[in-house]
N, C-alpha and C. Protein backbone atom coordinates (compact mmCIF):
# COMPACT_ATOMS: atom_id res chain seq x y z
N MET A 1 50.15 72.02 32.71
CA MET A 1 50.79 72.72 33.82
C MET A 1 50.77 71.81 35.06
N SER A 2 51.90 71.69 35.72
CA SER A 2 52.04 70.86 36.90
C SER A 2 51.89 71.71 38.16
N ILE A 3 51.10 71.23 39.09
CA ILE A 3 50.93 71.93 40.36
C ILE A 3 51.84 71.28 41.38
N LYS A 4 52.65 72.07 42.05
CA LYS A 4 53.58 71.55 43.05
C LYS A 4 52.80 71.14 44.30
N THR A 5 52.98 69.88 44.71
CA THR A 5 52.22 69.36 45.86
C THR A 5 53.10 69.07 47.06
N VAL A 6 54.43 69.07 46.85
CA VAL A 6 55.37 68.80 47.95
C VAL A 6 56.54 69.76 47.85
N THR A 7 57.27 69.87 48.96
CA THR A 7 58.47 70.68 48.99
C THR A 7 59.55 69.94 49.78
N VAL A 8 60.80 70.24 49.49
CA VAL A 8 61.93 69.66 50.22
C VAL A 8 62.45 70.72 51.18
N ARG A 9 62.62 70.31 52.44
CA ARG A 9 63.20 71.22 53.44
C ARG A 9 63.85 70.38 54.53
N SER A 10 64.42 71.03 55.51
CA SER A 10 65.10 70.33 56.60
C SER A 10 64.12 69.47 57.39
N ALA A 11 64.58 68.26 57.70
CA ALA A 11 63.80 67.34 58.54
C ALA A 11 64.59 67.05 59.82
N GLY A 12 65.32 68.04 60.28
CA GLY A 12 66.08 67.88 61.52
C GLY A 12 67.26 66.93 61.36
N ARG A 13 67.40 66.02 62.32
CA ARG A 13 68.54 65.08 62.32
C ARG A 13 68.54 64.14 61.12
N LYS A 14 67.40 64.01 60.48
CA LYS A 14 67.32 63.11 59.31
C LYS A 14 67.90 63.76 58.06
N GLY A 15 68.20 65.04 58.12
CA GLY A 15 68.67 65.75 56.93
C GLY A 15 67.49 66.38 56.22
N LYS A 16 67.45 66.26 54.90
CA LYS A 16 66.33 66.80 54.15
C LYS A 16 65.15 65.85 54.19
N GLY A 17 63.97 66.42 54.03
CA GLY A 17 62.75 65.63 53.97
C GLY A 17 61.78 66.24 52.98
N VAL A 18 60.74 65.51 52.66
CA VAL A 18 59.70 65.97 51.74
C VAL A 18 58.44 66.24 52.55
N PHE A 19 57.82 67.39 52.31
CA PHE A 19 56.66 67.82 53.10
C PHE A 19 55.50 68.19 52.18
N ALA A 20 54.29 67.89 52.63
CA ALA A 20 53.08 68.16 51.85
C ALA A 20 52.76 69.65 51.83
N LEU A 21 52.52 70.18 50.64
CA LEU A 21 52.11 71.57 50.50
C LEU A 21 50.59 71.71 50.58
N ARG A 22 49.90 70.56 50.58
CA ARG A 22 48.45 70.54 50.73
C ARG A 22 48.08 69.20 51.36
N GLY A 23 46.84 69.06 51.75
CA GLY A 23 46.39 67.79 52.30
C GLY A 23 46.13 66.76 51.20
N PHE A 24 46.22 65.48 51.56
CA PHE A 24 45.96 64.38 50.62
C PHE A 24 44.99 63.40 51.27
N ARG A 25 44.10 62.85 50.46
CA ARG A 25 43.19 61.81 50.93
C ARG A 25 43.86 60.45 50.79
N LYS A 26 43.38 59.48 51.55
CA LYS A 26 43.85 58.10 51.43
C LYS A 26 43.67 57.66 49.98
N GLY A 27 44.71 57.05 49.40
CA GLY A 27 44.66 56.55 48.03
C GLY A 27 45.03 57.58 46.98
N GLU A 28 45.20 58.82 47.39
CA GLU A 28 45.55 59.88 46.43
C GLU A 28 47.04 59.84 46.11
N ILE A 29 47.38 60.15 44.87
CA ILE A 29 48.79 60.22 44.45
C ILE A 29 49.41 61.47 45.05
N VAL A 30 50.50 61.27 45.78
CA VAL A 30 51.20 62.37 46.43
C VAL A 30 52.32 62.89 45.53
N LEU A 31 53.00 61.97 44.84
CA LEU A 31 54.17 62.31 44.05
C LEU A 31 54.40 61.23 43.02
N ILE A 32 54.83 61.61 41.84
CA ILE A 32 55.16 60.65 40.79
C ILE A 32 56.67 60.59 40.65
N TYR A 33 57.19 59.36 40.65
CA TYR A 33 58.63 59.15 40.48
C TYR A 33 59.11 59.75 39.17
N LYS A 34 60.26 60.38 39.22
CA LYS A 34 60.96 60.77 38.00
C LYS A 34 61.86 59.59 37.66
N LYS A 35 61.52 58.86 36.63
CA LYS A 35 62.32 57.69 36.26
C LYS A 35 63.72 58.14 35.84
N SER A 36 64.68 57.33 36.20
CA SER A 36 66.06 57.63 35.82
C SER A 36 66.77 56.31 35.51
N LYS A 37 68.06 56.37 35.47
CA LYS A 37 68.86 55.22 35.07
C LYS A 37 68.61 54.01 35.99
N ILE A 38 68.37 52.86 35.35
CA ILE A 38 68.21 51.60 36.07
C ILE A 38 69.55 50.88 36.03
N LEU A 39 70.00 50.44 37.19
CA LEU A 39 71.28 49.74 37.31
C LEU A 39 71.05 48.29 37.71
N ASN A 40 71.89 47.41 37.21
CA ASN A 40 71.89 46.03 37.65
C ASN A 40 72.70 45.93 38.93
N LYS A 41 72.46 44.89 39.70
CA LYS A 41 73.13 44.72 41.00
C LYS A 41 74.65 44.82 40.86
N HIS A 42 75.23 44.25 39.82
CA HIS A 42 76.69 44.27 39.67
C HIS A 42 77.25 45.66 39.36
N GLU A 43 76.38 46.62 39.00
CA GLU A 43 76.82 47.99 38.71
C GLU A 43 76.84 48.88 39.96
N ILE A 44 76.32 48.37 41.05
CA ILE A 44 76.21 49.15 42.28
C ILE A 44 77.50 49.04 43.08
N PRO A 45 78.06 50.18 43.50
CA PRO A 45 79.27 50.12 44.34
C PRO A 45 78.96 49.52 45.71
N LYS A 46 79.96 49.03 46.39
CA LYS A 46 79.76 48.42 47.72
C LYS A 46 79.20 49.43 48.72
N ARG A 47 79.64 50.69 48.64
CA ARG A 47 79.13 51.74 49.52
C ARG A 47 78.24 52.66 48.71
N TRP A 48 77.01 52.86 49.22
CA TRP A 48 76.06 53.73 48.53
C TRP A 48 76.35 55.18 48.93
N THR A 49 77.18 55.86 48.14
CA THR A 49 77.52 57.26 48.42
C THR A 49 77.38 58.07 47.14
N GLY A 50 77.50 59.37 47.26
CA GLY A 50 77.41 60.24 46.09
C GLY A 50 76.08 60.04 45.38
N LYS A 51 76.13 59.95 44.05
CA LYS A 51 74.88 59.77 43.28
C LYS A 51 74.23 58.43 43.58
N TYR A 52 75.00 57.48 44.13
CA TYR A 52 74.45 56.17 44.45
C TYR A 52 73.83 56.12 45.85
N LYS A 53 73.89 57.23 46.58
CA LYS A 53 73.32 57.27 47.92
C LYS A 53 71.81 57.06 47.89
N TYR A 54 71.18 57.55 46.83
CA TYR A 54 69.72 57.49 46.72
C TYR A 54 69.31 56.45 45.69
N LEU A 55 69.35 55.20 46.09
CA LEU A 55 68.94 54.10 45.23
C LEU A 55 67.66 53.50 45.75
N ASP A 56 66.83 53.03 44.82
CA ASP A 56 65.62 52.32 45.21
C ASP A 56 65.58 51.02 44.44
N VAL A 57 65.15 49.97 45.10
CA VAL A 57 65.01 48.66 44.46
C VAL A 57 63.75 48.73 43.60
N VAL A 58 63.89 48.43 42.31
CA VAL A 58 62.74 48.52 41.41
C VAL A 58 62.46 47.21 40.67
N GLY A 59 63.21 46.18 41.03
CA GLY A 59 63.00 44.88 40.40
C GLY A 59 64.00 43.89 40.96
N LEU A 60 63.95 42.70 40.44
CA LEU A 60 64.85 41.64 40.89
C LEU A 60 66.28 42.02 40.50
N ASP A 61 67.09 42.39 41.49
CA ASP A 61 68.47 42.85 41.29
C ASP A 61 68.57 44.07 40.38
N LYS A 62 67.53 44.92 40.41
CA LYS A 62 67.49 46.16 39.63
C LYS A 62 67.30 47.34 40.59
N PHE A 63 68.07 48.39 40.36
CA PHE A 63 68.05 49.57 41.21
C PHE A 63 67.95 50.82 40.35
N MET A 64 67.28 51.84 40.88
CA MET A 64 67.17 53.11 40.17
C MET A 64 67.77 54.21 41.03
N ILE A 65 68.51 55.10 40.37
CA ILE A 65 69.03 56.27 41.06
C ILE A 65 67.86 57.25 41.20
N MET A 66 67.49 57.55 42.44
CA MET A 66 66.35 58.44 42.70
C MET A 66 66.76 59.90 42.52
N LYS A 67 65.83 60.69 42.03
CA LYS A 67 66.05 62.12 41.82
C LYS A 67 65.23 62.91 42.84
N PRO A 68 65.56 64.19 43.02
CA PRO A 68 64.73 65.03 43.88
C PRO A 68 63.36 65.22 43.25
N PRO A 69 62.31 65.33 44.02
CA PRO A 69 62.29 65.34 45.48
C PRO A 69 62.19 63.96 46.11
N GLU A 70 61.83 62.91 45.33
CA GLU A 70 61.58 61.61 45.95
C GLU A 70 62.79 61.02 46.67
N CYS A 71 64.00 61.42 46.27
CA CYS A 71 65.18 60.88 46.95
C CYS A 71 65.26 61.36 48.40
N TYR A 72 64.49 62.39 48.75
CA TYR A 72 64.51 62.91 50.12
C TYR A 72 63.35 62.40 50.98
N ILE A 73 62.58 61.47 50.46
CA ILE A 73 61.52 60.88 51.29
C ILE A 73 62.20 59.96 52.30
N ASN A 74 62.01 60.27 53.56
CA ASN A 74 62.67 59.53 54.63
C ASN A 74 61.90 58.26 55.00
N CYS A 75 62.64 57.34 55.61
CA CYS A 75 62.05 56.11 56.13
C CYS A 75 61.38 56.40 57.47
N SER A 76 60.32 55.65 57.74
CA SER A 76 59.63 55.80 59.02
C SER A 76 58.96 54.49 59.39
N CYS A 77 58.87 54.24 60.68
CA CYS A 77 58.15 53.07 61.19
C CYS A 77 56.65 53.33 61.21
N ASP A 78 56.24 54.55 60.88
CA ASP A 78 54.84 54.94 60.81
C ASP A 78 54.63 55.66 59.47
N PRO A 79 54.69 54.90 58.35
CA PRO A 79 54.65 55.52 57.02
C PRO A 79 53.29 56.10 56.67
N ASN A 80 53.31 57.08 55.76
CA ASN A 80 52.05 57.61 55.25
C ASN A 80 51.93 57.45 53.73
N VAL A 81 52.97 56.90 53.07
CA VAL A 81 52.91 56.61 51.64
C VAL A 81 53.52 55.25 51.34
N TYR A 82 53.11 54.70 50.20
CA TYR A 82 53.73 53.51 49.63
C TYR A 82 53.87 53.77 48.13
N VAL A 83 54.66 52.96 47.45
CA VAL A 83 54.88 53.15 46.02
C VAL A 83 54.11 52.10 45.23
N LYS A 84 53.40 52.58 44.21
CA LYS A 84 52.69 51.68 43.30
C LYS A 84 52.75 52.29 41.90
N ASN A 85 53.24 51.51 40.95
CA ASN A 85 53.32 51.96 39.55
C ASN A 85 54.03 53.31 39.42
N TRP A 86 55.16 53.46 40.08
CA TRP A 86 56.00 54.65 40.01
C TRP A 86 55.34 55.88 40.63
N LYS A 87 54.39 55.66 41.53
CA LYS A 87 53.70 56.76 42.19
C LYS A 87 53.72 56.53 43.70
N PHE A 88 53.94 57.61 44.45
CA PHE A 88 53.81 57.57 45.90
C PHE A 88 52.34 57.84 46.21
N VAL A 89 51.70 56.89 46.90
CA VAL A 89 50.27 56.94 47.18
C VAL A 89 50.05 57.06 48.69
N ALA A 90 49.09 57.89 49.08
CA ALA A 90 48.79 58.09 50.51
C ALA A 90 48.16 56.83 51.10
N MET A 91 48.74 56.33 52.20
CA MET A 91 48.21 55.17 52.91
C MET A 91 47.01 55.57 53.77
N HIS A 92 46.98 56.81 54.17
CA HIS A 92 45.91 57.38 54.99
C HIS A 92 45.94 58.88 54.75
N PRO A 93 44.98 59.63 55.25
CA PRO A 93 45.01 61.08 55.02
C PRO A 93 46.32 61.71 55.51
N ILE A 94 46.82 62.65 54.73
CA ILE A 94 48.05 63.37 55.06
C ILE A 94 47.68 64.85 55.16
N LYS A 95 48.11 65.48 56.24
CA LYS A 95 47.81 66.90 56.45
C LYS A 95 48.83 67.80 55.76
N LYS A 96 48.40 68.99 55.41
CA LYS A 96 49.30 70.00 54.87
C LYS A 96 50.43 70.23 55.88
N GLY A 97 51.67 70.25 55.41
CA GLY A 97 52.83 70.46 56.28
C GLY A 97 53.42 69.18 56.84
N GLU A 98 52.71 68.06 56.74
CA GLU A 98 53.19 66.78 57.28
C GLU A 98 54.32 66.24 56.41
N GLU A 99 55.31 65.62 57.07
CA GLU A 99 56.40 65.00 56.31
C GLU A 99 55.88 63.75 55.59
N ILE A 100 56.30 63.57 54.35
CA ILE A 100 55.96 62.39 53.55
C ILE A 100 57.02 61.34 53.85
N VAL A 101 56.59 60.18 54.37
CA VAL A 101 57.53 59.14 54.78
C VAL A 101 57.01 57.75 54.38
N GLY A 102 57.95 56.86 54.10
CA GLY A 102 57.60 55.49 53.76
C GLY A 102 58.37 54.53 54.65
N ASP A 103 57.91 53.29 54.73
CA ASP A 103 58.65 52.28 55.49
C ASP A 103 59.58 51.58 54.50
N CYS A 104 60.86 51.82 54.65
CA CYS A 104 61.85 51.32 53.70
C CYS A 104 62.07 49.82 53.78
N ALA A 105 61.43 49.16 54.74
CA ALA A 105 61.54 47.70 54.81
C ALA A 105 60.58 47.03 53.82
N ILE A 106 59.56 47.76 53.37
CA ILE A 106 58.63 47.21 52.39
C ILE A 106 59.40 46.97 51.09
N ASN A 107 59.25 45.79 50.51
CA ASN A 107 59.87 45.41 49.24
C ASN A 107 61.39 45.32 49.29
N ASN A 108 61.95 45.19 50.46
CA ASN A 108 63.40 45.03 50.58
C ASN A 108 63.73 43.73 51.30
N ASP A 109 64.87 43.18 50.95
CA ASP A 109 65.31 41.94 51.59
C ASP A 109 66.81 41.96 51.87
N PHE A 110 67.30 43.13 52.27
CA PHE A 110 68.71 43.29 52.60
C PHE A 110 68.97 42.84 54.03
N ASP A 111 70.14 42.33 54.28
CA ASP A 111 70.53 41.96 55.63
C ASP A 111 71.30 43.11 56.28
N HIS A 112 70.72 44.27 56.21
CA HIS A 112 71.34 45.48 56.74
C HIS A 112 70.43 46.06 57.82
N VAL A 113 70.98 46.37 58.97
CA VAL A 113 70.21 46.95 60.07
C VAL A 113 70.93 48.22 60.49
N GLU A 114 70.16 49.28 60.72
CA GLU A 114 70.76 50.51 61.23
C GLU A 114 69.80 51.21 62.17
N LYS A 115 70.31 52.16 62.92
CA LYS A 115 69.50 52.90 63.88
C LYS A 115 68.44 53.72 63.14
N CYS A 116 67.22 53.67 63.63
CA CYS A 116 66.11 54.42 63.04
C CYS A 116 66.10 55.83 63.62
N LEU A 117 65.86 56.80 62.76
CA LEU A 117 65.81 58.20 63.19
C LEU A 117 64.41 58.79 63.13
N CYS A 118 63.39 57.97 62.88
CA CYS A 118 62.05 58.52 62.64
C CYS A 118 61.41 59.11 63.90
N HIS A 119 61.67 58.53 65.04
CA HIS A 119 61.11 59.00 66.32
C HIS A 119 59.58 59.07 66.32
N SER A 120 58.95 58.25 65.48
CA SER A 120 57.48 58.20 65.48
C SER A 120 57.03 57.45 66.73
N ARG A 121 55.75 57.53 67.03
CA ARG A 121 55.25 56.81 68.20
C ARG A 121 55.33 55.30 68.00
N ARG A 122 55.46 54.84 66.78
CA ARG A 122 55.60 53.41 66.48
C ARG A 122 57.04 53.02 66.16
N CYS A 123 57.98 53.87 66.48
CA CYS A 123 59.39 53.63 66.12
C CYS A 123 59.89 52.30 66.66
N ARG A 124 60.53 51.53 65.78
CA ARG A 124 61.09 50.23 66.15
C ARG A 124 62.52 50.37 66.66
N LYS A 125 63.05 51.58 66.68
CA LYS A 125 64.40 51.93 67.15
C LYS A 125 65.50 51.47 66.19
N MET A 126 65.30 50.36 65.52
CA MET A 126 66.26 49.88 64.53
C MET A 126 65.52 49.66 63.21
N TYR A 127 66.14 50.06 62.11
CA TYR A 127 65.55 49.88 60.80
C TYR A 127 66.08 48.59 60.19
N PRO A 128 65.20 47.59 60.03
CA PRO A 128 65.64 46.38 59.34
C PRO A 128 65.42 46.57 57.85
N GLY A 129 66.44 46.40 57.04
CA GLY A 129 66.31 46.56 55.60
C GLY A 129 65.68 45.35 54.96
N ASN A 130 64.91 44.59 55.73
CA ASN A 130 64.37 43.34 55.24
C ASN A 130 62.91 43.19 55.70
N PHE A 131 62.00 43.07 54.73
CA PHE A 131 60.58 42.91 55.01
C PHE A 131 60.33 41.76 55.99
N PHE A 132 61.06 40.66 55.83
CA PHE A 132 60.83 39.47 56.64
C PHE A 132 61.42 39.56 58.05
N LYS A 133 62.10 40.66 58.35
CA LYS A 133 62.58 40.91 59.72
C LYS A 133 61.55 41.71 60.52
N LEU A 134 60.53 42.21 59.84
CA LEU A 134 59.43 42.90 60.54
C LEU A 134 58.59 41.86 61.28
N ASN A 135 57.86 42.28 62.30
CA ASN A 135 57.00 41.32 62.98
C ASN A 135 55.88 40.88 62.03
N LYS A 136 55.32 39.72 62.29
CA LYS A 136 54.32 39.11 61.39
C LYS A 136 53.09 40.01 61.22
N LYS A 137 52.67 40.68 62.27
CA LYS A 137 51.50 41.55 62.19
C LYS A 137 51.74 42.67 61.18
N LEU A 138 52.93 43.25 61.21
CA LEU A 138 53.27 44.33 60.28
C LEU A 138 53.44 43.79 58.86
N GLN A 139 54.04 42.61 58.73
CA GLN A 139 54.16 41.99 57.40
C GLN A 139 52.77 41.81 56.78
N LYS A 140 51.82 41.32 57.57
CA LYS A 140 50.46 41.11 57.07
C LYS A 140 49.83 42.45 56.67
N LYS A 141 50.05 43.48 57.46
CA LYS A 141 49.51 44.81 57.15
C LYS A 141 50.07 45.33 55.83
N TYR A 142 51.34 45.04 55.57
CA TYR A 142 52.02 45.56 54.38
C TYR A 142 51.83 44.71 53.13
N LEU A 143 51.17 43.56 53.24
CA LEU A 143 50.97 42.69 52.07
C LEU A 143 50.42 43.43 50.84
N PRO A 144 49.42 44.30 50.99
CA PRO A 144 48.87 44.99 49.81
C PRO A 144 49.86 45.94 49.13
N TYR A 145 50.93 46.30 49.81
CA TYR A 145 51.88 47.28 49.28
C TYR A 145 53.10 46.66 48.61
N LEU A 146 53.16 45.34 48.56
CA LEU A 146 54.32 44.67 47.97
C LEU A 146 54.29 44.72 46.45
N TYR A 147 55.46 44.95 45.87
CA TYR A 147 55.60 44.95 44.41
C TYR A 147 55.40 43.54 43.87
N PRO A 148 54.87 43.41 42.65
CA PRO A 148 54.72 42.08 42.04
C PRO A 148 56.04 41.30 41.94
N TRP A 149 57.15 41.96 41.59
CA TRP A 149 58.42 41.24 41.49
C TRP A 149 58.86 40.71 42.86
N PHE A 150 58.57 41.47 43.93
CA PHE A 150 58.95 41.05 45.28
C PHE A 150 58.13 39.82 45.69
N LYS A 151 56.82 39.86 45.38
CA LYS A 151 55.95 38.72 45.69
C LYS A 151 56.39 37.47 44.92
N LYS A 152 56.80 37.67 43.68
CA LYS A 152 57.25 36.54 42.86
C LYS A 152 58.56 35.97 43.42
N LYS A 153 59.48 36.83 43.77
CA LYS A 153 60.77 36.40 44.31
C LYS A 153 60.60 35.63 45.62
N HIS A 154 59.64 36.05 46.43
CA HIS A 154 59.44 35.47 47.77
C HIS A 154 58.09 34.76 47.84
N LYS A 155 57.72 34.10 46.77
CA LYS A 155 56.40 33.48 46.65
C LYS A 155 56.08 32.56 47.84
N THR A 156 57.00 31.70 48.22
CA THR A 156 56.75 30.74 49.30
C THR A 156 56.48 31.46 50.62
N GLU A 157 57.33 32.44 50.97
CA GLU A 157 57.16 33.17 52.23
C GLU A 157 55.86 33.97 52.23
N ILE A 158 55.54 34.59 51.09
CA ILE A 158 54.33 35.39 50.98
C ILE A 158 53.09 34.51 51.11
N GLU A 159 53.10 33.34 50.47
CA GLU A 159 51.96 32.42 50.57
C GLU A 159 51.74 31.98 52.01
N LYS A 160 52.82 31.67 52.72
CA LYS A 160 52.71 31.29 54.13
C LYS A 160 52.09 32.42 54.95
N LEU A 161 52.50 33.64 54.65
CA LEU A 161 51.99 34.81 55.35
C LEU A 161 50.51 35.01 55.05
N LYS A 162 50.11 34.83 53.80
CA LYS A 162 48.69 34.95 53.41
C LYS A 162 47.85 33.89 54.10
N ILE A 163 48.36 32.66 54.17
CA ILE A 163 47.63 31.57 54.84
C ILE A 163 47.47 31.89 56.33
N ALA A 164 48.56 32.38 56.93
CA ALA A 164 48.50 32.74 58.36
C ALA A 164 47.53 33.90 58.57
N SER A 165 47.43 34.81 57.61
CA SER A 165 46.53 35.97 57.72
C SER A 165 45.07 35.55 57.67
N SER A 166 44.79 34.49 56.92
CA SER A 166 43.40 34.10 56.75
C SER A 166 42.94 33.07 57.78
N SER A 167 43.85 32.58 58.62
CA SER A 167 43.46 31.60 59.63
C SER A 167 42.68 32.29 60.75
N PRO A 168 41.75 31.59 61.40
CA PRO A 168 40.89 32.19 62.42
C PRO A 168 41.63 32.83 63.58
N GLN A 169 42.80 32.30 63.98
CA GLN A 169 43.49 32.87 65.14
C GLN A 169 44.34 34.07 64.80
N SER A 170 44.41 34.50 63.52
CA SER A 170 45.19 35.68 63.15
C SER A 170 44.53 36.95 63.59
């Protein structure tokens, strides 16, 4: 028997959002991805609309069509979850009723920028779809949350970031 831990409801100007039905501890699994069709880059239309509106990068030039409820997890400059092994994991304690949000720049390298709607206290005002467009301090913070395929694809940049993180002036 599965116990429902999240619900989908209005998140204001962001549209739908996912909200916690109970509290979660740091490191606790909040939601498990429902795996669906994996598409290669050449199968993706130029405009992400309709069923293609909710795509997630899951590998090198591989995308998955996200299903509810995870397709309604909004982006935020102050995330409370990250994805590991097809599971959304709490980055820090999450309170009952709190919106479940992730930073969509983690594990992405798109040259797409759009206005951010998160309105968090850490809001960057613009959402860069590229991990390497984030400031270095944030990149270093997000190192533990990077997918293995992303680290492999960007090995040189990641190594430079790790070296900079371990230097005394960091």
